[in-house]
Amino acid sequence: MKEYECLRHSQEKRNDYYALKKYKLVSCRMGKNFNTMIGAIFCYLFNDKLFLSKHKHLNEDYWASKACGNKLLFKNIHHISYKFNIKGLRLFHEDWKHFIIIRNPIERFLSGFTHLCIVTMNQISSLRSCYYCGGNMECVIKNLYETLKNYSYNGTQTIFHIKHHFFPQTWLCHYDKHKKDYIKISYESMNKEKFYLQLLNLLRSRNVPEEKLKYIEWELNHSKSFHSTNGTTVLEKQREILFNNPYLLKLLSIIYYDDFIEFGYKFPIENI
C-alpha cells in the first residue's frame, strides 16, 4: 500500500468533558465509546430525582432528551477547574479521578460506520460525516484517511461528527498532555461484564452510595445505549464485509496505528 503511510500523530484542540463535582469525576467524551451512557450515569448521580422524573432508564437519556441538558458538559480541563474554583491543575489531577473509555479501533470504527453510514445514512449530518459515500465502506475509509492526513500535516479542519466518531482515540481528549492522569477503562463489546465491573469499581472508589450503584448496575445489564449497534444484524453484516477485505483492514490498521500501539490492541492483520 505504497499510496498510504502511517499518519503523523496529531491532537484535536476541541474536546468535551463530563464533570461531576459531587464525586470529583471527569470523563472525556469520545464517540462510540459508551459516552451517551456515561452522560446519563453522571446526570443520575448529579440529581437522581430530576433524572428519574424524566426517565425510568439510563438509555432513555440521549442527545435529544438529556435530563441535565449541558450542565455537566465542559469544553476543556481549564473550563472545569475555573467553574469549580480549583486552585491549580496539578491539584485538580491529583484530587479528582479523570477517566476515558477506550475501545478496540476496529470495533469502534464498525460501530460508528454502522450507526452513521448505514442506519442513519440519509440524515443530513450522516451524509456529510460519511462523505456522501452511500454506505460504501471503502469510500468512507479512503476519504477518512485523506481527512486525517490533511488534518495532521496541514491543520485542515473537518466537521465535528467525523472527529468525534472516527478520529483516532489518541488524537482526542488532549491525550498526549493528560494520558498519565487518565484512568483507562476498556470497553469490550464481547466482555461487557468485565467493563461494567471496572466502571462500577471506579464509581465505588468515589463513594457513590450502594443503592445508586445497584440501580446503575441493573441498568447496565438490562439495557443498552440508544445509539448502540452492538449485536445487531446490520453491524454483523458490516463486520463480515470488513473482515473479508484485507485491503480495508490494512488501511484501518494504518489509520488507527497509534491507538493499536498505545492501548495494546492486536492488529487485525499482519505485516502492516
Protein backbone atom coordinates (compact mmCIF):
# COMPACT_ATOMS: atom_id res chain seq x y z
CA MET A 1 0.00 0.00 0.00
CA LYS A 2 2.59 2.49 -1.16
CA GLU A 3 -0.01 5.24 -1.50
CA TYR A 4 -0.78 5.00 2.23
CA GLU A 5 1.67 5.63 5.03
CA CYS A 6 1.26 5.93 8.79
CA LEU A 7 -0.06 9.33 9.72
CA ARG A 8 1.83 11.92 11.71
CA HIS A 9 0.46 11.96 15.24
CA SER A 10 -1.82 14.92 15.93
CA GLN A 11 -4.08 16.31 18.66
CA GLU A 12 -7.59 17.70 18.26
CA LYS A 13 -7.99 21.00 20.12
CA ARG A 14 -11.75 20.78 20.76
CA ASN A 15 -12.79 18.14 23.28
CA ASP A 16 -15.81 17.78 25.53
CA TYR A 17 -15.74 16.57 29.12
CA TYR A 18 -18.34 15.44 31.63
CA ALA A 19 -17.55 16.66 35.15
CA LEU A 20 -19.28 15.72 38.39
CA LYS A 21 -18.13 17.83 41.33
CA LYS A 22 -20.01 15.80 43.96
CA TYR A 23 -17.84 12.75 43.34
CA LYS A 24 -14.86 14.53 41.77
CA LEU A 25 -15.11 12.65 38.49
CA VAL A 26 -14.15 13.77 34.99
CA SER A 27 -14.64 11.82 31.79
CA CYS A 28 -13.65 12.91 28.30
CA ARG A 29 -16.19 12.12 25.57
CA MET A 30 -15.27 10.03 22.53
CA GLY A 31 -17.88 8.91 20.03
CA LYS A 32 -18.88 5.21 20.09
CA ASN A 33 -17.08 4.72 23.41
CA PHE A 34 -20.13 4.49 25.69
CA ASN A 35 -20.20 8.26 26.11
CA THR A 36 -24.02 8.58 25.94
CA MET A 37 -24.40 6.17 28.86
CA ILE A 38 -21.63 7.91 30.81
CA GLY A 39 -23.53 11.17 30.41
CA ALA A 40 -26.70 9.51 31.67
CA ILE A 41 -24.88 8.00 34.67
CA PHE A 42 -23.34 11.37 35.56
CA CYS A 43 -26.75 13.05 35.32
CA TYR A 44 -28.34 10.39 37.55
CA LEU A 45 -25.57 10.83 40.13
CA PHE A 46 -25.82 14.61 39.90
CA ASN A 47 -29.56 14.67 40.63
CA ASP A 48 -31.31 11.32 40.77
CA LYS A 49 -34.72 12.86 41.48
CA LEU A 50 -34.50 15.10 38.42
CA PHE A 51 -33.29 12.23 36.27
CA LEU A 52 -35.99 9.78 37.40
CA SER A 53 -38.70 12.42 36.97
CA LYS A 54 -37.87 12.44 33.27
CA HIS A 55 -36.65 8.88 32.62
CA LYS A 56 -37.09 5.40 34.02
CA HIS A 57 -33.96 4.04 32.40
CA LEU A 58 -30.45 5.27 31.67
CA ASN A 59 -30.74 4.51 27.96
CA GLU A 60 -33.65 6.95 27.62
CA ASP A 61 -31.22 9.83 28.23
CA TYR A 62 -29.57 10.74 24.93
CA TRP A 63 -28.78 13.90 22.98
CA ALA A 64 -32.43 14.76 22.22
CA SER A 65 -33.73 14.11 25.74
CA LYS A 66 -30.93 14.87 28.19
CA ALA A 67 -32.37 15.36 31.67
CA CYS A 68 -29.42 17.52 32.74
CA GLY A 69 -29.03 19.36 29.46
CA ASN A 70 -25.44 20.57 29.20
CA LYS A 71 -24.98 21.29 32.91
CA LEU A 72 -22.28 18.65 33.27
CA LEU A 73 -20.58 19.29 29.93
CA PHE A 74 -17.38 21.34 29.65
CA LYS A 75 -15.12 22.43 26.81
CA ASN A 76 -11.79 21.57 28.42
CA ILE A 77 -9.98 20.85 31.69
CA HIS A 78 -9.34 24.54 32.35
CA HIS A 79 -13.05 25.27 31.98
CA ILE A 80 -13.83 22.69 34.68
CA SER A 81 -11.19 23.94 37.10
CA TYR A 82 -12.38 27.54 36.63
CA LYS A 83 -16.05 26.60 37.10
CA PHE A 84 -15.38 24.80 40.38
CA ASN A 85 -12.70 27.22 41.60
CA ILE A 86 -9.98 24.58 41.76
CA LYS A 87 -6.62 26.14 42.56
CA GLY A 88 -4.00 24.66 40.29
CA LEU A 89 -4.27 21.96 37.63
CA ARG A 90 -1.89 19.65 39.46
CA LEU A 91 -4.20 19.57 42.47
CA PHE A 92 -7.13 19.03 40.11
CA HIS A 93 -5.50 15.96 38.61
CA GLU A 94 -4.48 14.59 42.00
CA ASP A 95 -7.78 15.20 43.81
CA TRP A 96 -10.20 14.22 41.04
CA LYS A 97 -10.42 10.98 39.07
CA HIS A 98 -10.07 11.51 35.34
CA PHE A 99 -11.04 8.60 33.13
CA ILE A 100 -11.57 7.75 29.49
CA ILE A 101 -13.33 4.82 27.89
CA ILE A 102 -11.13 3.24 25.21
CA ARG A 103 -12.13 0.67 22.60
CA ASN A 104 -10.58 -1.61 20.01
CA PRO A 105 -10.17 0.71 17.00
CA ILE A 106 -11.76 -1.73 14.55
CA GLU A 107 -14.80 -2.27 16.77
CA ARG A 108 -15.13 1.48 17.29
CA PHE A 109 -14.94 2.17 13.56
CA LEU A 110 -17.51 -0.53 12.78
CA SER A 111 -19.88 0.88 15.38
CA GLY A 112 -19.52 4.44 14.07
CA PHE A 113 -19.76 3.39 10.43
CA THR A 114 -22.84 1.23 11.03
CA HIS A 115 -24.61 3.94 13.01
CA LEU A 116 -23.80 6.92 10.80
CA CYS A 117 -23.24 5.45 7.36
CA ILE A 118 -25.82 2.64 7.30
CA VAL A 119 -28.59 3.05 9.90
CA THR A 120 -28.91 6.85 9.64
CA MET A 121 -27.21 7.25 6.26
CA ASN A 122 -29.87 9.58 4.81
CA GLN A 123 -29.78 12.15 7.61
CA ILE A 124 -28.00 15.38 6.66
CA SER A 125 -25.34 15.10 9.38
CA SER A 126 -24.67 11.48 8.43
CA LEU A 127 -24.36 12.26 4.73
CA ARG A 128 -21.54 14.71 5.44
CA SER A 129 -19.94 12.50 8.10
CA CYS A 130 -19.85 9.60 5.65
CA TYR A 131 -18.54 11.63 2.70
CA TYR A 132 -21.73 11.07 0.67
CA CYS A 133 -20.49 7.53 0.04
CA GLY A 134 -23.92 5.90 0.11
CA GLY A 135 -22.91 3.24 2.61
CA ASN A 136 -19.78 2.19 0.71
CA MET A 137 -17.20 1.27 3.36
CA GLU A 138 -14.14 1.55 1.10
CA CYS A 139 -15.20 5.03 0.01
CA VAL A 140 -15.58 6.16 3.63
CA ILE A 141 -12.25 4.70 4.78
CA LYS A 142 -10.28 6.20 1.89
CA ASN A 143 -11.83 9.61 2.44
CA LEU A 144 -11.22 9.34 6.18
CA TYR A 145 -7.54 8.67 5.53
CA GLU A 146 -7.28 11.81 3.40
CA THR A 147 -9.11 13.85 6.06
CA LEU A 148 -6.71 12.68 8.76
CA LYS A 149 -3.69 13.24 6.53
CA ASN A 150 -4.75 16.81 5.73
CA TYR A 151 -5.56 17.47 9.38
CA SER A 152 -2.25 16.07 10.56
CA TYR A 153 0.02 17.81 8.06
CA ASN A 154 -1.90 20.97 7.19
CA GLY A 155 -4.26 21.54 10.10
CA THR A 156 -7.21 21.32 7.71
CA GLN A 157 -10.36 21.24 9.81
CA THR A 158 -13.29 18.89 9.37
CA ILE A 159 -16.77 18.54 10.86
CA PHE A 160 -17.42 17.57 14.48
CA HIS A 161 -19.06 14.20 13.76
CA ILE A 162 -16.04 12.95 11.83
CA LYS A 163 -13.70 13.98 14.62
CA HIS A 164 -15.95 12.64 17.37
CA HIS A 165 -16.66 9.25 15.81
CA PHE A 166 -13.72 8.49 13.52
CA PHE A 167 -10.58 10.29 14.69
CA PRO A 168 -8.03 8.06 16.47
CA GLN A 169 -8.66 7.97 20.21
CA THR A 170 -5.08 9.03 20.90
CA TRP A 171 -5.75 12.21 18.92
CA LEU A 172 -8.65 13.16 21.21
CA CYS A 173 -9.03 14.33 24.82
CA HIS A 174 -5.64 16.09 24.75
CA TYR A 175 -4.35 12.57 25.26
CA ASP A 176 -0.66 13.40 24.88
CA LYS A 177 -0.88 16.02 27.62
CA HIS A 178 -3.10 14.16 30.09
CA LYS A 179 -2.50 10.45 29.47
CA LYS A 180 -0.58 10.00 32.72
CA ASP A 181 -3.63 11.29 34.59
CA TYR A 182 -6.24 9.24 32.75
CA ILE A 183 -7.66 6.03 34.14
CA LYS A 184 -8.28 3.96 31.01
CA ILE A 185 -11.27 1.60 31.03
CA SER A 186 -11.53 -0.68 28.01
CA TYR A 187 -14.99 -1.11 26.52
CA GLU A 188 -15.22 -4.66 25.24
CA SER A 189 -18.46 -5.44 23.46
CA MET A 190 -17.77 -9.17 23.79
CA ASN A 191 -16.94 -8.97 27.51
CA LYS A 192 -19.26 -6.34 28.92
CA GLU A 193 -19.23 -7.85 32.41
CA LYS A 194 -15.54 -7.00 32.81
CA PHE A 195 -16.11 -3.48 31.54
CA TYR A 196 -19.10 -2.90 33.81
CA LEU A 197 -17.18 -4.18 36.82
CA GLN A 198 -14.30 -1.75 36.17
CA LEU A 199 -16.71 1.15 35.77
CA LEU A 200 -18.68 0.29 38.91
CA ASN A 201 -15.49 -0.14 40.92
CA LEU A 202 -14.36 3.31 39.83
CA LEU A 203 -17.67 4.81 40.96
CA ARG A 204 -17.46 2.88 44.22
CA SER A 205 -13.97 4.27 44.84
CA ARG A 206 -15.53 7.77 44.73
CA ASN A 207 -18.00 6.80 47.49
CA VAL A 208 -21.08 6.58 45.30
CA PRO A 209 -23.81 5.07 47.56
CA GLU A 210 -24.52 1.37 47.11
CA GLU A 211 -28.21 1.90 46.30
CA LYS A 212 -27.23 4.12 43.38
CA LEU A 213 -24.62 1.62 42.25
CA LYS A 214 -27.27 -1.11 42.30
CA TYR A 215 -29.54 0.95 40.05
CA ILE A 216 -26.66 1.65 37.64
CA GLU A 217 -25.58 -2.00 37.62
CA TRP A 218 -29.11 -3.20 36.86
CA GLU A 219 -29.46 -0.67 34.07
CA LEU A 220 -26.12 -1.60 32.53
CA ASN A 221 -27.06 -5.27 32.45
CA HIS A 222 -30.61 -4.83 31.19
CA SER A 223 -30.47 -2.01 28.65
CA LYS A 224 -28.17 -0.53 26.05
CA SER A 225 -27.48 2.91 24.67
CA PHE A 226 -29.98 4.50 22.28
CA HIS A 227 -27.23 4.63 19.63
CA SER A 228 -25.77 1.20 20.32
CA THR A 229 -25.22 -1.04 17.29
CA ASN A 230 -23.61 -3.90 19.20
CA GLY A 231 -25.08 -7.30 18.43
CA THR A 232 -27.33 -6.08 15.62
CA THR A 233 -27.66 -7.91 12.31
CA VAL A 234 -26.67 -4.80 10.37
CA LEU A 235 -23.44 -4.47 12.37
CA GLU A 236 -22.54 -8.12 11.81
CA LYS A 237 -23.07 -7.66 8.08
CA GLN A 238 -20.63 -4.71 8.05
CA ARG A 239 -18.16 -6.73 10.12
CA GLU A 240 -18.32 -9.52 7.55
CA ILE A 241 -17.70 -7.06 4.71
CA LEU A 242 -14.68 -5.60 6.50
CA PHE A 243 -13.06 -8.84 7.62
CA ASN A 244 -13.39 -10.30 4.13
CA ASN A 245 -11.37 -7.39 2.75
CA PRO A 246 -7.67 -7.47 3.79
CA TYR A 247 -7.06 -4.21 1.92
CA LEU A 248 -9.53 -2.30 4.12
CA LEU A 249 -8.29 -4.00 7.29
CA LYS A 250 -4.76 -2.90 6.47
CA LEU A 251 -5.84 0.66 5.70
CA LEU A 252 -7.73 0.88 9.01
CA SER A 253 -4.66 -0.51 10.78
CA ILE A 254 -2.64 2.34 9.26
CA ILE A 255 -5.27 4.93 10.20
CA TYR A 256 -5.51 3.73 13.81
CA TYR A 257 -1.89 2.66 14.22
CA ASP A 258 -1.34 4.99 17.20
CA ASP A 259 -4.35 3.52 19.03
CA PHE A 260 -3.27 -0.08 18.47
CA ILE A 261 0.23 0.64 19.79
CA GLU A 262 -0.75 2.89 22.72
CA PHE A 263 -3.57 0.74 24.06
CA GLY A 264 -2.11 -2.66 23.25
CA TYR A 265 -4.86 -3.92 20.96
CA LYS A 266 -3.95 -6.66 18.49
CA PHE A 267 -3.76 -5.65 14.84
CA PRO A 268 -6.40 -7.40 12.71
CA ILE A 269 -3.86 -8.21 10.03
CA GLU A 270 -0.13 -8.96 9.91
CA ASN A 271 2.58 -7.01 8.10
CA ILE A 272 1.21 -3.51 8.49
